[in-house]
Amino acid sequence: MGRLGDLRRRIRGVRRISPAGFLLYALAIVIVYAIMHALGLRQFASMVCGNPVSLFGSVLLGVVAGSLYIFFHFAAVVGVPILVIASCIFALSERALRRRKG
């Protein structure tokens, strides 16, 4: 548990609104999206075209799975690059402010 415990403590110690925090959010979105894609939830996104697929015999579950997949797809495609660019700008601005202060 040594390395895993150290990693958990370091992640918990990261400020939420910071360059590292933005990168953690981006990483979490990518991990969730990759898991959803690996589980095959992409097929449920067909409900956008009006062709819902049932999940465990329920069309409602298929629509919810498709909606979640679409949400995380757009978050991964649009949100993650924005978070990465924002974290770079944030880090550079913090560095510039530290240099001005001395």
C-alpha atoms as a PDB file:
ATOM      1  CA  MET A   1       0.000   0.000   0.000  1.00  0.00           C
ATOM      2  CA  GLY A   2       3.051   2.246   0.122  1.00  0.00           C
ATOM      3  CA  ARG A   3       3.096   3.689  -3.381  1.00  0.00           C
ATOM      4  CA  LEU A   4      -0.674   3.615  -3.787  1.00  0.00           C
ATOM      5  CA  GLY A   5      -1.146   5.342  -0.435  1.00  0.00           C
ATOM      6  CA  ASP A   6       1.410   7.993  -1.370  1.00  0.00           C
ATOM      7  CA  LEU A   7      -0.370   8.572  -4.678  1.00  0.00           C
ATOM      8  CA  ARG A   8      -3.726   8.964  -2.927  1.00  0.00           C
ATOM      9  CA  ARG A   9      -2.289  11.485  -0.480  1.00  0.00           C
ATOM     10  CA  ARG A  10      -0.695  13.482  -3.292  1.00  0.00           C
ATOM     11  CA  ILE A  11      -3.937  13.531  -5.292  1.00  0.00           C
ATOM     12  CA  ARG A  12      -5.975  14.589  -2.258  1.00  0.00           C
ATOM     13  CA  GLY A  13      -3.465  17.330  -1.529  1.00  0.00           C
ATOM     14  CA  VAL A  14      -3.893  18.972  -4.929  1.00  0.00           C
ATOM     15  CA  ARG A  15      -5.887  22.196  -4.910  1.00  0.00           C
ATOM     16  CA  ARG A  16      -8.992  21.892  -7.054  1.00  0.00           C
ATOM     17  CA  ILE A  17      -8.456  25.176  -8.897  1.00  0.00           C
ATOM     18  CA  SER A  18      -4.831  24.873  -9.920  1.00  0.00           C
ATOM     19  CA  PRO A  19      -2.932  23.647 -12.973  1.00  0.00           C
ATOM     20  CA  ALA A  20      -2.576  20.194 -11.415  1.00  0.00           C
ATOM     21  CA  GLY A  21      -6.247  20.190 -10.437  1.00  0.00           C
ATOM     22  CA  PHE A  22      -7.303  20.963 -14.011  1.00  0.00           C
ATOM     23  CA  LEU A  23      -5.102  18.141 -15.286  1.00  0.00           C
ATOM     24  CA  LEU A  24      -6.618  15.747 -12.736  1.00  0.00           C
ATOM     25  CA  TYR A  25     -10.107  16.675 -13.930  1.00  0.00           C
ATOM     26  CA  ALA A  26      -9.042  16.081 -17.534  1.00  0.00           C
ATOM     27  CA  LEU A  27      -7.515  12.724 -16.623  1.00  0.00           C
ATOM     28  CA  ALA A  28     -10.656  11.657 -14.747  1.00  0.00           C
ATOM     29  CA  ILE A  29     -12.848  12.519 -17.744  1.00  0.00           C
ATOM     30  CA  VAL A  30     -10.611  10.565 -20.114  1.00  0.00           C
ATOM     31  CA  ILE A  31     -10.530   7.534 -17.795  1.00  0.00           C
ATOM     32  CA  VAL A  32     -14.328   7.457 -17.405  1.00  0.00           C
ATOM     33  CA  TYR A  33     -14.807   7.876 -21.155  1.00  0.00           C
ATOM     34  CA  ALA A  34     -12.313   5.101 -21.924  1.00  0.00           C
ATOM     35  CA  ILE A  35     -14.064   2.739 -19.503  1.00  0.00           C
ATOM     36  CA  MET A  36     -17.458   3.529 -21.026  1.00  0.00           C
ATOM     37  CA  HIS A  37     -16.059   2.988 -24.517  1.00  0.00           C
ATOM     38  CA  ALA A  38     -14.433  -0.304 -23.495  1.00  0.00           C
ATOM     39  CA  LEU A  39     -17.732  -1.502 -22.016  1.00  0.00           C
ATOM     40  CA  GLY A  40     -19.399  -0.946 -25.385  1.00  0.00           C
ATOM     41  CA  LEU A  41     -21.741   1.874 -24.436  1.00  0.00           C
ATOM     42  CA  ARG A  42     -21.145   3.459 -27.826  1.00  0.00           C
ATOM     43  CA  GLN A  43     -23.944   1.388 -29.351  1.00  0.00           C
ATOM     44  CA  PHE A  44     -26.469   3.095 -27.076  1.00  0.00           C
ATOM     45  CA  ALA A  45     -25.656   6.489 -28.571  1.00  0.00           C
ATOM     46  CA  SER A  46     -27.852   5.536 -31.526  1.00  0.00           C
ATOM     47  CA  MET A  47     -30.791   6.942 -29.574  1.00  0.00           C
ATOM     48  CA  VAL A  48     -29.769  10.364 -30.890  1.00  0.00           C
ATOM     49  CA  CYS A  49     -30.957   9.261 -34.331  1.00  0.00           C
ATOM     50  CA  GLY A  50     -34.240   8.003 -32.892  1.00  0.00           C
ATOM     51  CA  ASN A  51     -33.234   4.358 -32.714  1.00  0.00           C
ATOM     52  CA  PRO A  52     -32.960   3.502 -28.993  1.00  0.00           C
ATOM     53  CA  VAL A  53     -31.382   0.202 -27.995  1.00  0.00           C
ATOM     54  CA  SER A  54     -32.590  -1.584 -24.878  1.00  0.00           C
ATOM     55  CA  LEU A  55     -30.227  -2.388 -22.022  1.00  0.00           C
ATOM     56  CA  PHE A  56     -31.199  -5.366 -19.851  1.00  0.00           C
ATOM     57  CA  GLY A  57     -34.624  -5.283 -21.511  1.00  0.00           C
ATOM     58  CA  SER A  58     -35.250  -1.611 -20.695  1.00  0.00           C
ATOM     59  CA  VAL A  59     -35.215   1.104 -23.320  1.00  0.00           C
ATOM     60  CA  LEU A  60     -34.954   3.738 -20.563  1.00  0.00           C
ATOM     61  CA  LEU A  61     -31.653   2.250 -19.337  1.00  0.00           C
ATOM     62  CA  GLY A  62     -30.388   2.244 -22.916  1.00  0.00           C
ATOM     63  CA  VAL A  63     -31.288   5.916 -23.318  1.00  0.00           C
ATOM     64  CA  VAL A  64     -29.592   6.798 -20.010  1.00  0.00           C
ATOM     65  CA  ALA A  65     -26.457   4.834 -21.003  1.00  0.00           C
ATOM     66  CA  GLY A  66     -26.436   6.529 -24.413  1.00  0.00           C
ATOM     67  CA  SER A  67     -26.884   9.965 -22.857  1.00  0.00           C
ATOM     68  CA  LEU A  68     -24.025   9.383 -20.416  1.00  0.00           C
ATOM     69  CA  TYR A  69     -21.798   8.136 -23.221  1.00  0.00           C
ATOM     70  CA  ILE A  70     -22.585  11.199 -25.366  1.00  0.00           C
ATOM     71  CA  PHE A  71     -21.963  13.534 -22.412  1.00  0.00           C
ATOM     72  CA  PHE A  72     -18.555  12.019 -21.666  1.00  0.00           C
ATOM     73  CA  HIS A  73     -17.700  11.882 -25.372  1.00  0.00           C
ATOM     74  CA  PHE A  74     -18.233  15.629 -25.716  1.00  0.00           C
ATOM     75  CA  ALA A  75     -16.460  16.232 -22.398  1.00  0.00           C
ATOM     76  CA  ALA A  76     -13.451  14.256 -23.671  1.00  0.00           C
ATOM     77  CA  VAL A  77     -13.441  15.874 -27.106  1.00  0.00           C
ATOM     78  CA  VAL A  78     -14.192  19.470 -26.084  1.00  0.00           C
ATOM     79  CA  GLY A  79     -13.598  19.787 -22.331  1.00  0.00           C
ATOM     80  CA  VAL A  80     -10.293  17.960 -21.938  1.00  0.00           C
ATOM     81  CA  PRO A  81      -8.352  20.091 -24.452  1.00  0.00           C
ATOM     82  CA  ILE A  82      -9.765  23.232 -22.820  1.00  0.00           C
ATOM     83  CA  LEU A  83      -8.676  21.999 -19.378  1.00  0.00           C
ATOM     84  CA  VAL A  84      -5.176  21.130 -20.624  1.00  0.00           C
ATOM     85  CA  ILE A  85      -4.723  24.509 -22.331  1.00  0.00           C
ATOM     86  CA  ALA A  86      -6.120  26.303 -19.281  1.00  0.00           C
ATOM     87  CA  SER A  87      -3.724  24.461 -16.975  1.00  0.00           C
ATOM     88  CA  CYS A  88      -0.766  25.476 -19.176  1.00  0.00           C
ATOM     89  CA  ILE A  89      -1.848  29.127 -19.199  1.00  0.00           C
ATOM     90  CA  PHE A  90      -2.504  28.999 -15.456  1.00  0.00           C
ATOM     91  CA  ALA A  91       0.948  27.524 -14.753  1.00  0.00           C
ATOM     92  CA  LEU A  92       2.688  30.067 -16.972  1.00  0.00           C
ATOM     93  CA  SER A  93       0.838  32.964 -15.343  1.00  0.00           C
ATOM     94  CA  GLU A  94       1.702  31.692 -11.860  1.00  0.00           C
ATOM     95  CA  ARG A  95       5.350  31.407 -12.891  1.00  0.00           C
ATOM     96  CA  ALA A  96       5.330  34.961 -14.290  1.00  0.00           C
ATOM     97  CA  LEU A  97       3.764  36.326 -11.096  1.00  0.00           C
ATOM     98  CA  ARG A  98       6.374  34.565  -8.958  1.00  0.00           C
ATOM     99  CA  ARG A  99       9.186  36.080 -11.049  1.00  0.00           C
ATOM    100  CA  ARG A 100       7.758  39.588 -10.640  1.00  0.00           C
ATOM    101  CA  LYS A 101       7.512  39.215  -6.865  1.00  0.00           C
ATOM    102  CA  GLY A 102      11.088  38.226  -6.648  1.00  0.00           C
END
